[in-house]
Amino acid sequence: MSELKETSDHVASGDVEIFYRKFGRPGRMPVLIVHGLSYTSYDWIDAARLIACDREVAAMDMRGFGESTWSVQHDYKLESQSADVVAVLDALGWSRAVLMGHSFGGRVMLACATWQPERAGAYISVDFAPDLAPAGRRHVAERIGRQPDFFKSVEDAMAYHGHQDVPLESRIRRRWESFLRKTEHGYVMKRDLHYRDMFRKALETGKSAPVPDFLWPMMAKITIPTLVVRATESDMFEPQTLEKAKKLNPRFVGVEIAGSHNLPGDNPTGLAQVVTKFLDDTSL
């Protein structure tokens, strides 16, 4: 369908250029999506297309990820990431939008919705809450923290991330090709090594960066329509944490759908369905 054609662009924000993909056509309130630490906007293409049936939907690459540039100053503060969201909203001409974030992107969008409330029509958290499950947090630290500077091939990168004997034309391979950049030294992941070094230091010292203590208070005070989605097989978001979120703020709509932490990859159709229902129910 012509209205679901993907377009893309970059916008300057601070010391970086932020890349974003856009789908759909003007209609109901638009949706802006931010990915997590192990993903890029590419991972949201399928779900974004489905959500964009009656509105515009954009998925951006965080600074240091995907097709966005890396910060020379290693400025990856939450405040700067929130400002990047606003820069994309401005570039798109959206005065307000539904702010949706997956995993770490949920943190970014929660902060943006709190600090820039006039830009947020609703907040959607996809497999994110301030309390991270210890097993999942350790798994992320190990996988990112032990990542080499370069991989010899796409196959080596996939094997490192648990994908063996992947067919050349498979969806998984295409995804990893999108997350890698070929250089004279090998294949580098499209994620600033700042993140690798941060997790590596945590592994070496045994001291992880603390989760900001202002995130739960942010969730408690948020008054815009909010959807919290948990993946049934998530290793990052425990069932009791979803109950904690719903008790903390009775306005929240909390749902569980089938899939792992990688919901946009595992179950884009189910994810799009719960997001669409939420937007319909809240008349957004």
Protein backbone atom coordinates (compact mmCIF):
# COMPACT_ATOMS: atom_id res chain seq x y z
CA MET A 1 0.00 0.00 0.00
CA SER A 2 1.43 3.38 -0.96
CA GLU A 3 0.64 4.99 2.39
CA LEU A 4 2.83 2.44 4.16
CA LYS A 5 5.90 3.22 2.07
CA GLU A 6 8.95 3.83 4.22
CA THR A 7 10.80 7.13 4.02
CA SER A 8 13.80 8.18 6.07
CA ASP A 9 15.82 11.23 7.04
CA HIS A 10 18.33 12.63 9.55
CA VAL A 11 18.03 15.53 11.97
CA ALA A 12 20.78 17.32 13.89
CA SER A 13 20.62 17.08 17.68
CA GLY A 14 23.49 18.27 19.83
CA ASP A 15 26.71 16.69 18.55
CA VAL A 16 24.98 13.93 16.55
CA GLU A 17 22.74 13.29 13.56
CA ILE A 18 19.66 11.23 14.41
CA PHE A 19 18.27 8.87 11.77
CA TYR A 20 14.61 7.97 11.61
CA ARG A 21 12.25 5.92 9.43
CA LYS A 22 8.68 7.02 8.81
CA PHE A 23 5.61 5.06 7.76
CA GLY A 24 1.95 5.83 7.10
CA ARG A 25 0.24 9.10 6.33
CA PRO A 26 -1.26 11.90 8.46
CA GLY A 27 -4.33 10.83 10.40
CA ARG A 28 -4.74 10.11 14.07
CA MET A 29 -2.08 11.02 16.66
CA PRO A 30 1.34 9.91 15.36
CA VAL A 31 3.61 7.45 17.17
CA LEU A 32 7.37 7.78 17.70
CA ILE A 33 9.34 4.65 18.67
CA VAL A 34 12.73 4.26 20.37
CA HIS A 35 14.50 0.86 20.39
CA GLY A 36 16.55 -0.81 23.14
CA LEU A 37 20.29 -1.34 23.62
CA SER A 38 20.47 -4.50 21.49
CA TYR A 39 18.34 -3.18 18.65
CA THR A 40 17.86 -0.41 16.09
CA SER A 41 14.95 1.12 14.23
CA TYR A 42 15.30 -1.70 11.68
CA ASP A 43 13.85 -4.10 14.26
CA TRP A 44 10.65 -2.06 14.37
CA ILE A 45 9.82 -2.01 10.66
CA ASP A 46 7.21 -4.79 10.76
CA ALA A 47 5.37 -3.55 13.84
CA ALA A 48 5.56 0.08 12.70
CA ARG A 49 3.97 -0.73 9.36
CA LEU A 50 1.07 -2.47 11.12
CA ILE A 51 0.49 0.38 13.58
CA ALA A 52 0.65 2.92 10.74
CA CYS A 53 -2.67 1.84 9.19
CA ASP A 54 -4.40 5.09 10.21
CA ARG A 55 -1.58 7.39 11.32
CA GLU A 56 2.07 8.26 10.84
CA VAL A 57 4.61 6.17 12.75
CA ALA A 58 8.32 6.88 13.01
CA ALA A 59 11.11 4.74 14.48
CA MET A 60 14.39 6.46 15.31
CA ASP A 61 17.91 5.23 15.94
CA MET A 62 19.26 6.44 19.28
CA ARG A 63 22.51 8.39 19.21
CA GLY A 64 25.32 5.89 18.81
CA PHE A 65 23.11 3.26 17.13
CA GLY A 66 22.13 2.19 13.64
CA GLU A 67 22.31 4.97 11.08
CA SER A 68 22.58 7.73 13.68
CA THR A 69 26.06 9.06 14.35
CA TRP A 70 28.15 8.35 17.42
CA SER A 71 28.70 11.12 19.94
CA VAL A 72 32.30 12.35 19.77
CA GLN A 73 31.87 13.59 23.34
CA HIS A 74 30.40 10.22 24.47
CA ASP A 75 27.32 12.15 25.49
CA TYR A 76 24.75 9.45 26.15
CA LYS A 77 23.03 11.09 29.09
CA LEU A 78 19.30 10.51 29.42
CA GLU A 79 18.78 14.25 29.07
CA SER A 80 20.51 14.25 25.67
CA GLN A 81 18.58 11.20 24.50
CA SER A 82 15.34 12.89 25.51
CA ALA A 83 16.40 15.99 23.56
CA ASP A 84 16.99 13.75 20.52
CA VAL A 85 13.36 12.61 20.72
CA VAL A 86 12.21 16.22 20.71
CA ALA A 87 14.48 16.98 17.75
CA VAL A 88 12.83 14.19 15.75
CA LEU A 89 9.36 15.37 16.75
CA ASP A 90 10.27 18.87 15.57
CA ALA A 91 11.70 17.57 12.29
CA LEU A 92 8.51 15.64 11.65
CA GLY A 93 6.35 18.64 12.53
CA TRP A 94 4.57 16.74 15.32
CA SER A 95 3.54 18.97 18.21
CA ARG A 96 2.45 15.90 20.21
CA ALA A 97 2.84 12.18 19.69
CA VAL A 98 2.46 8.82 21.36
CA LEU A 99 5.91 8.08 22.80
CA MET A 100 6.71 4.36 22.66
CA GLY A 101 9.94 2.79 23.89
CA HIS A 102 11.27 -0.76 24.04
CA SER A 103 13.58 -1.83 26.86
CA PHE A 104 16.10 1.01 27.40
CA GLY A 105 14.05 3.01 24.91
CA GLY A 106 11.21 2.79 27.42
CA ARG A 107 13.41 4.65 29.88
CA VAL A 108 14.18 7.32 27.29
CA MET A 109 10.52 7.84 26.41
CA LEU A 110 9.42 7.87 30.07
CA ALA A 111 11.94 10.64 30.76
CA CYS A 112 10.90 12.58 27.67
CA ALA A 113 7.20 12.30 28.55
CA THR A 114 7.98 13.58 32.05
CA TRP A 115 10.37 16.37 31.12
CA GLN A 116 8.49 17.47 27.98
CA PRO A 117 4.85 16.71 28.89
CA GLU A 118 3.47 19.05 26.24
CA ARG A 119 4.95 16.75 23.54
CA ALA A 120 3.51 13.49 24.88
CA GLY A 121 -0.05 12.42 24.10
CA ALA A 122 0.47 8.95 25.56
CA TYR A 123 3.27 6.67 26.75
CA ILE A 124 3.77 3.03 25.73
CA SER A 125 6.37 0.91 27.51
CA VAL A 126 7.37 -2.29 25.69
CA ASP A 127 8.96 -4.84 28.04
CA PHE A 128 10.41 -2.11 30.21
CA ALA A 129 10.07 -1.17 33.86
CA PRO A 130 12.61 0.41 36.23
CA ASP A 131 13.17 -2.91 38.04
CA LEU A 132 15.31 -5.12 35.80
CA ALA A 133 15.31 -8.88 36.33
CA PRO A 134 18.81 -9.87 37.58
CA ALA A 135 19.23 -12.78 35.14
CA GLY A 136 18.36 -10.66 32.13
CA ARG A 137 20.52 -7.78 33.27
CA ARG A 138 23.47 -10.13 33.69
CA HIS A 139 22.88 -11.64 30.25
CA VAL A 140 22.90 -8.20 28.60
CA ALA A 141 26.07 -7.22 30.47
CA GLU A 142 27.85 -10.40 29.38
CA ARG A 143 26.77 -10.19 25.75
CA ILE A 144 27.53 -6.50 25.25
CA GLY A 145 30.47 -6.29 27.64
CA ARG A 146 32.42 -9.12 26.00
CA GLN A 147 31.74 -7.98 22.43
CA PRO A 148 34.95 -7.68 20.36
CA ASP A 149 35.82 -4.51 18.46
CA PHE A 150 35.32 -6.31 15.15
CA PHE A 151 33.84 -9.53 13.81
CA LYS A 152 35.53 -11.37 10.92
CA SER A 153 32.23 -11.94 9.15
CA VAL A 154 28.47 -11.63 9.44
CA GLU A 155 28.47 -15.30 10.41
CA ASP A 156 30.87 -14.67 13.28
CA ALA A 157 28.68 -11.86 14.59
CA MET A 158 25.57 -14.03 14.41
CA ALA A 159 27.34 -16.96 16.10
CA TYR A 160 28.49 -14.68 18.93
CA HIS A 161 24.85 -13.73 19.47
CA GLY A 162 23.63 -17.33 19.42
CA HIS A 163 22.62 -17.81 15.78
CA GLN A 164 24.31 -20.81 14.16
CA ASP A 165 24.04 -22.08 10.56
CA VAL A 166 21.76 -19.25 9.41
CA PRO A 167 20.65 -19.53 5.73
CA LEU A 168 21.86 -16.76 3.42
CA GLU A 169 18.34 -15.53 2.62
CA SER A 170 16.95 -15.75 6.14
CA ARG A 171 15.24 -12.92 8.01
CA ILE A 172 17.76 -13.27 10.84
CA ARG A 173 20.71 -12.76 8.50
CA ARG A 174 19.15 -9.70 6.90
CA ARG A 175 18.61 -8.29 10.36
CA TRP A 176 22.25 -8.78 11.34
CA GLU A 177 23.47 -7.36 8.06
CA SER A 178 21.53 -4.22 8.97
CA PHE A 179 23.25 -4.07 12.40
CA LEU A 180 26.80 -4.41 11.02
CA ARG A 181 29.06 -2.10 9.04
CA LYS A 182 31.93 -3.49 6.97
CA THR A 183 35.32 -1.84 7.51
CA GLU A 184 38.87 -2.66 6.47
CA HIS A 185 39.34 -4.41 9.81
CA GLY A 186 36.15 -6.46 9.73
CA TYR A 187 32.52 -5.96 10.66
CA VAL A 188 31.69 -3.48 13.42
CA MET A 189 28.33 -3.34 15.15
CA LYS A 190 26.32 -0.19 14.65
CA ARG A 191 26.46 0.58 18.34
CA ASP A 192 29.04 2.87 19.90
CA LEU A 193 31.69 0.88 21.75
CA HIS A 194 31.04 3.25 24.64
CA TYR A 195 28.25 0.87 25.64
CA ARG A 196 30.54 -2.16 25.37
CA ASP A 197 33.14 -0.45 27.52
CA MET A 198 30.54 0.56 30.11
CA PHE A 199 29.35 -3.04 30.53
CA ARG A 200 32.92 -4.38 30.41
CA LYS A 201 33.87 -2.14 33.31
CA ALA A 202 30.85 -3.39 35.25
CA LEU A 203 31.92 -7.00 34.64
CA GLU A 204 35.50 -6.27 35.68
CA THR A 205 34.60 -4.36 38.84
CA GLY A 206 31.42 -6.22 39.78
CA LYS A 207 29.69 -2.85 40.06
CA SER A 208 26.86 -2.13 37.64
CA ALA A 209 25.65 1.38 36.98
CA PRO A 210 22.66 1.90 39.29
CA VAL A 211 19.23 2.26 37.74
CA PRO A 212 18.21 5.92 38.26
CA ASP A 213 16.09 6.22 41.38
CA PHE A 214 13.79 8.78 39.75
CA LEU A 215 12.23 6.34 37.27
CA TRP A 216 9.60 4.80 39.58
CA PRO A 217 8.53 8.27 40.81
CA MET A 218 8.18 9.28 37.15
CA MET A 219 5.91 6.30 36.53
CA ALA A 220 3.89 7.10 39.64
CA LYS A 221 3.24 10.68 38.57
CA ILE A 222 2.54 10.18 34.86
CA THR A 223 -1.03 11.22 34.01
CA ILE A 224 -1.27 10.68 30.25
CA PRO A 225 -2.71 7.40 28.91
CA THR A 226 -0.10 4.71 29.50
CA LEU A 227 0.23 1.16 28.21
CA VAL A 228 2.75 -1.23 29.79
CA VAL A 229 3.41 -4.35 27.71
CA ARG A 230 5.24 -7.36 29.14
CA ALA A 231 6.52 -10.31 27.07
CA THR A 232 5.48 -13.62 28.61
CA GLU A 233 8.98 -15.10 28.11
CA SER A 234 10.88 -11.95 29.07
CA ASP A 235 14.10 -12.35 31.04
CA MET A 236 14.17 -8.61 31.77
CA PHE A 237 10.67 -7.83 33.06
CA GLU A 238 9.30 -10.10 35.78
CA PRO A 239 5.53 -10.69 36.19
CA GLN A 240 5.51 -9.19 39.68
CA THR A 241 7.04 -5.99 38.29
CA LEU A 242 4.05 -5.53 35.99
CA GLU A 243 1.76 -5.88 39.02
CA LYS A 244 3.90 -3.36 40.89
CA ALA A 245 3.53 -0.87 38.04
CA LYS A 246 -0.26 -1.28 37.88
CA LYS A 247 -0.62 -0.83 41.65
CA LEU A 248 1.70 2.18 41.60
CA ASN A 249 -0.41 3.98 39.00
CA PRO A 250 -4.02 2.81 38.55
CA ARG A 251 -4.20 4.69 35.23
CA PHE A 252 -1.86 2.18 33.62
CA VAL A 253 -3.15 -0.44 31.21
CA GLY A 254 -0.96 -3.52 31.70
CA VAL A 255 -0.95 -6.44 29.27
CA GLU A 256 1.13 -9.53 28.57
CA ILE A 257 1.65 -10.98 25.10
CA ALA A 258 3.56 -13.99 23.81
CA GLY A 259 7.23 -13.52 23.03
CA SER A 260 10.67 -12.96 24.47
CA HIS A 261 12.19 -9.61 25.40
CA ASN A 262 12.57 -9.06 21.64
CA LEU A 263 8.84 -8.48 21.16
CA PRO A 264 9.05 -6.44 17.95
CA GLY A 265 10.96 -9.31 16.38
CA ASP A 266 9.12 -12.25 17.97
CA ASN A 267 5.56 -11.01 17.76
CA PRO A 268 5.15 -7.81 15.74
CA THR A 269 1.53 -8.62 14.88
CA GLY A 270 0.50 -9.25 18.48
CA LEU A 271 2.35 -6.16 19.62
CA ALA A 272 0.72 -4.00 16.96
CA GLN A 273 -2.70 -5.37 17.91
CA VAL A 274 -2.39 -4.44 21.62
CA VAL A 275 -0.98 -1.02 20.74
CA THR A 276 -3.79 -0.36 18.23
CA LYS A 277 -6.45 -1.47 20.73
CA PHE A 278 -4.99 0.82 23.39
CA LEU A 279 -4.97 3.77 21.00
CA ASP A 280 -8.53 2.99 19.93
CA ASP A 281 -9.72 2.66 23.53
CA THR A 282 -8.15 6.01 24.45
CA SER A 283 -9.41 7.70 21.25
CA LEU A 284 -5.91 8.68 20.17
